[in-house]
Amino acid sequence: MVFRDWTSVVGSTGLTVWERFVAFLPNLIGAIIILVAGWLIGMLVAVIIDRVFRLVGLQTLFEKAKVENIVKKAGVEKDTTSLLAAVGKWIVLIVAFIAASNTLQLPDVANFFDRILAYVPSVIAAAAIMIIGLVLANFLAAVVKGSMQAADLESSEAVSVIVRYAIVIFAVLAALAQLGIAGGLIQTLFIGIVALIAIAGGLAFGLGGKDAAADFINDLRKSMKK
């Protein structure tokens, strides 16, 4: 009697597990199909992004703006265009992960990937700010250096370096603000940098241009007496 009860319990438990597995199997197969399709679509998107960006000359622009040098110094084997293509692929994969998690009825996992996906636009915007900042920094530095050399002004190299790094610093602060990282600290740093530039400019003008200012004041007094 006891043996029969034991076998009955085991049999009913096994049947329950089998029924649950059979009911779960379509969801599992659907999730696998979604992941495989997402991987294939992601690879296709990466190839399209890579070829289009190279076709329109963005990779050449990255190289001229010295963005490629920063990527290489970071120890990344891929170039900038390949990195952007990889970002596109992973966006598609995250969407596939969300769909697969919903299919498997795993809401917590789906919410996790959904939060990552919601943060992606901020990351893309921050990367765009950095790229534009680097391009603008190198362009304006070259313009300032060329203009000062054409006018036979001294310290053209130093001024161009200051212009380049000032724009890069502002681009970094703007990118961090876009990512929502330490907003109060970034605002304080921004105000401090602006104040430092203003004080440095005032001191430079006061020390270097005092003779010119004295001559201007004397000429003004003479003209007023007349």
Protein backbone atom coordinates (compact mmCIF):
# COMPACT_ATOMS: atom_id res chain seq x y z
CA MET A 1 0.00 0.00 0.00
CA VAL A 2 2.81 2.37 0.95
CA PHE A 3 4.72 1.41 -2.19
CA ARG A 4 1.70 2.13 -4.31
CA ASP A 5 1.24 5.55 -2.70
CA TRP A 6 4.91 6.35 -3.26
CA THR A 7 4.82 5.34 -6.92
CA SER A 8 1.58 7.28 -7.35
CA VAL A 9 3.15 10.45 -5.93
CA VAL A 10 6.25 10.07 -8.07
CA GLY A 11 4.17 9.41 -11.16
CA SER A 12 1.88 12.38 -10.60
CA THR A 13 4.88 14.65 -9.92
CA GLY A 14 6.63 13.48 -13.05
CA LEU A 15 3.46 14.00 -15.08
CA THR A 16 3.10 17.54 -13.69
CA VAL A 17 6.70 18.35 -14.55
CA TRP A 18 6.26 16.95 -18.05
CA GLU A 19 3.07 18.94 -18.62
CA ARG A 20 4.79 22.12 -17.50
CA PHE A 21 7.76 21.39 -19.76
CA VAL A 22 5.47 20.76 -22.71
CA ALA A 23 3.60 23.99 -21.98
CA PHE A 24 6.91 25.89 -21.63
CA LEU A 25 8.52 24.35 -24.73
CA PRO A 26 6.79 26.63 -27.29
CA ASN A 27 7.91 29.70 -25.36
CA LEU A 28 11.47 28.36 -25.20
CA ILE A 29 11.53 27.63 -28.92
CA GLY A 30 10.07 31.07 -29.64
CA ALA A 31 12.72 32.75 -27.47
CA ILE A 32 15.51 30.85 -29.24
CA ILE A 33 14.12 31.85 -32.63
CA ILE A 34 13.93 35.50 -31.50
CA LEU A 35 17.53 35.46 -30.27
CA VAL A 36 18.84 33.83 -33.45
CA ALA A 37 16.87 36.27 -35.61
CA GLY A 38 18.08 39.17 -33.47
CA TRP A 39 21.69 38.04 -33.83
CA LEU A 40 21.39 37.74 -37.62
CA ILE A 41 19.63 41.11 -37.94
CA GLY A 42 22.21 42.69 -35.64
CA MET A 43 25.05 41.39 -37.79
CA LEU A 44 23.31 42.72 -40.90
CA VAL A 45 22.78 46.13 -39.29
CA ALA A 46 26.44 46.25 -38.26
CA VAL A 47 27.58 45.52 -41.83
CA ILE A 48 25.22 48.17 -43.25
CA ILE A 49 26.34 50.83 -40.75
CA ASP A 50 30.01 50.04 -41.35
CA ARG A 51 29.73 50.24 -45.14
CA VAL A 52 27.52 53.35 -45.18
CA PHE A 53 29.76 55.27 -42.76
CA ARG A 54 32.86 54.39 -44.78
CA LEU A 55 31.08 55.25 -48.02
CA VAL A 56 30.12 58.76 -46.84
CA GLY A 57 33.65 59.34 -45.54
CA LEU A 58 33.03 59.38 -41.80
CA GLN A 59 36.05 57.17 -41.12
CA THR A 60 38.26 59.66 -42.98
CA LEU A 61 36.73 62.46 -40.91
CA PHE A 62 37.46 60.57 -37.69
CA GLU A 63 41.07 60.11 -38.75
CA LYS A 64 41.49 63.79 -39.64
CA ALA A 65 39.90 64.83 -36.35
CA LYS A 66 42.33 62.53 -34.51
CA VAL A 67 39.44 60.59 -32.99
CA GLU A 68 41.14 57.46 -34.27
CA ASN A 69 44.25 58.24 -32.22
CA ILE A 70 42.19 58.36 -29.03
CA VAL A 71 40.55 55.04 -29.86
CA LYS A 72 43.93 53.41 -30.47
CA LYS A 73 45.37 54.84 -27.24
CA ALA A 74 42.44 53.25 -25.39
CA GLY A 75 43.70 49.87 -26.58
CA VAL A 76 40.71 49.17 -28.85
CA GLU A 77 41.59 47.01 -31.84
CA LYS A 78 38.64 48.19 -33.95
CA ASP A 79 38.45 51.59 -35.61
CA THR A 80 35.76 54.17 -34.82
CA THR A 81 33.42 53.10 -37.62
CA SER A 82 33.59 49.46 -36.50
CA LEU A 83 32.79 50.54 -32.93
CA LEU A 84 29.72 52.45 -34.09
CA ALA A 85 28.64 49.44 -36.13
CA ALA A 86 29.06 47.24 -33.04
CA VAL A 87 26.87 49.65 -31.06
CA GLY A 88 24.14 49.30 -33.68
CA LYS A 89 24.39 45.52 -33.50
CA TRP A 90 24.09 45.47 -29.71
CA ILE A 91 21.06 47.75 -29.78
CA VAL A 92 19.31 45.18 -31.98
CA LEU A 93 20.46 42.39 -29.65
CA ILE A 94 19.11 44.19 -26.58
CA VAL A 95 15.75 44.51 -28.30
CA ALA A 96 15.90 40.77 -29.05
CA PHE A 97 16.77 40.02 -25.40
CA ILE A 98 13.74 42.04 -24.26
CA ALA A 99 11.43 40.19 -26.65
CA ALA A 100 12.86 36.80 -25.63
CA SER A 101 12.50 37.62 -21.93
CA ASN A 102 8.87 38.59 -22.42
CA THR A 103 8.29 35.38 -24.37
CA LEU A 104 9.77 33.36 -21.50
CA GLN A 105 7.64 35.36 -19.04
CA LEU A 106 10.65 36.81 -17.23
CA PRO A 107 9.52 40.39 -16.51
CA ASP A 108 12.46 41.26 -14.24
CA VAL A 109 14.98 40.35 -16.94
CA ALA A 110 12.95 42.23 -19.55
CA ASN A 111 12.83 45.33 -17.34
CA PHE A 112 16.61 45.15 -16.85
CA PHE A 113 17.29 45.15 -20.60
CA ASP A 114 14.60 47.79 -21.10
CA ARG A 115 16.44 50.13 -18.72
CA ILE A 116 19.67 49.54 -20.62
CA LEU A 117 17.90 50.30 -23.90
CA ALA A 118 16.38 53.47 -22.45
CA TYR A 119 19.90 54.66 -21.52
CA VAL A 120 21.30 54.03 -25.02
CA PRO A 121 20.09 57.37 -26.53
CA SER A 122 21.96 59.28 -23.82
CA VAL A 123 25.12 57.28 -24.55
CA ILE A 124 24.77 57.94 -28.29
CA ALA A 125 24.19 61.65 -27.66
CA ALA A 126 27.23 61.82 -25.37
CA ALA A 127 29.38 60.05 -27.97
CA ALA A 128 28.13 62.47 -30.65
CA ILE A 129 29.00 65.42 -28.41
CA MET A 130 32.51 64.06 -27.89
CA ILE A 131 33.07 63.42 -31.60
CA ILE A 132 31.78 66.86 -32.58
CA GLY A 133 33.86 68.43 -29.82
CA LEU A 134 37.03 66.69 -31.01
CA VAL A 135 36.40 67.66 -34.63
CA LEU A 136 35.69 71.27 -33.66
CA ALA A 137 38.69 71.39 -31.31
CA ASN A 138 41.15 70.27 -33.97
CA PHE A 139 39.58 72.50 -36.63
CA LEU A 140 39.59 75.67 -34.52
CA ALA A 141 43.10 74.91 -33.22
CA ALA A 142 44.34 74.66 -36.80
CA VAL A 143 42.53 77.89 -37.75
CA VAL A 144 43.96 79.80 -34.79
CA LYS A 145 47.48 78.49 -35.40
CA GLY A 146 47.34 79.30 -39.12
CA SER A 147 45.90 82.78 -38.53
CA MET A 148 48.53 83.66 -35.93
CA GLN A 149 51.35 82.38 -38.11
CA ALA A 150 50.03 84.36 -41.08
CA ALA A 151 49.98 87.48 -38.91
CA ASP A 152 53.52 86.74 -37.63
CA LEU A 153 52.30 86.50 -34.06
CA GLU A 154 54.24 84.61 -31.45
CA SER A 155 53.11 81.61 -29.37
CA SER A 156 50.80 80.30 -32.10
CA GLU A 157 51.50 76.71 -31.06
CA ALA A 158 50.72 77.38 -27.38
CA VAL A 159 47.51 79.26 -28.16
CA SER A 160 46.31 76.53 -30.53
CA VAL A 161 46.93 73.89 -27.84
CA ILE A 162 44.99 75.97 -25.29
CA VAL A 163 42.07 76.33 -27.73
CA ARG A 164 42.07 72.61 -28.48
CA TYR A 165 42.08 71.46 -24.86
CA ALA A 166 39.55 74.10 -23.78
CA ILE A 167 37.04 72.81 -26.33
CA VAL A 168 37.81 69.18 -25.42
CA ILE A 169 37.24 69.91 -21.72
CA PHE A 170 33.89 71.58 -22.43
CA ALA A 171 32.91 68.64 -24.67
CA VAL A 172 33.76 66.16 -21.89
CA LEU A 173 31.70 68.14 -19.37
CA ALA A 174 28.77 68.34 -21.80
CA ALA A 175 28.99 64.57 -22.47
CA LEU A 176 29.03 63.77 -18.75
CA ALA A 177 26.05 66.06 -18.22
CA GLN A 178 24.21 64.24 -21.02
CA LEU A 179 24.89 60.94 -19.26
CA GLY A 180 23.55 62.39 -16.00
CA ILE A 181 26.82 61.76 -14.15
CA ALA A 182 27.46 64.07 -11.18
CA GLY A 183 25.44 66.98 -12.53
CA GLY A 184 26.16 69.26 -9.56
CA LEU A 185 29.89 68.54 -9.72
CA ILE A 186 29.99 69.20 -13.46
CA GLN A 187 28.20 72.53 -13.00
CA THR A 188 30.70 73.53 -10.30
CA LEU A 189 33.64 72.53 -12.51
CA PHE A 190 32.18 74.47 -15.44
CA ILE A 191 31.80 77.63 -13.35
CA GLY A 192 35.31 77.17 -11.96
CA ILE A 193 36.85 76.77 -15.41
CA VAL A 194 35.06 79.86 -16.74
CA ALA A 195 36.18 81.86 -13.69
CA LEU A 196 39.75 80.59 -14.10
CA ILE A 197 39.81 81.63 -17.77
CA ALA A 198 38.40 85.06 -16.90
CA ILE A 199 40.96 85.61 -14.11
CA ALA A 200 43.83 84.40 -16.30
CA GLY A 201 42.71 86.66 -19.13
CA GLY A 202 42.41 89.63 -16.78
CA LEU A 203 45.86 89.04 -15.33
CA ALA A 204 47.38 88.60 -18.76
CA PHE A 205 45.80 91.82 -19.99
CA GLY A 206 46.68 93.67 -16.80
CA LEU A 207 50.32 92.59 -16.78
CA GLY A 208 50.98 92.52 -20.48
CA GLY A 209 48.89 95.49 -21.56
CA LYS A 210 49.49 97.98 -18.75
CA ASP A 211 51.80 100.13 -20.88
CA ALA A 212 49.29 100.26 -23.69
CA ALA A 213 46.51 101.10 -21.23
CA ALA A 214 48.64 103.91 -19.69
CA ASP A 215 49.32 105.38 -23.12
CA PHE A 216 45.63 105.22 -23.97
CA ILE A 217 44.68 107.00 -20.74
CA ASN A 218 47.30 109.72 -21.33
CA ASP A 219 46.08 110.32 -24.87
CA LEU A 220 42.52 110.51 -23.56
CA ARG A 221 43.51 113.11 -20.94
CA LYS A 222 45.33 115.21 -23.51
CA SER A 223 42.38 115.13 -25.85
CA MET A 224 40.04 116.17 -23.01
CA LYS A 225 42.29 119.13 -22.09
CA LYS A 226 42.22 120.33 -25.64
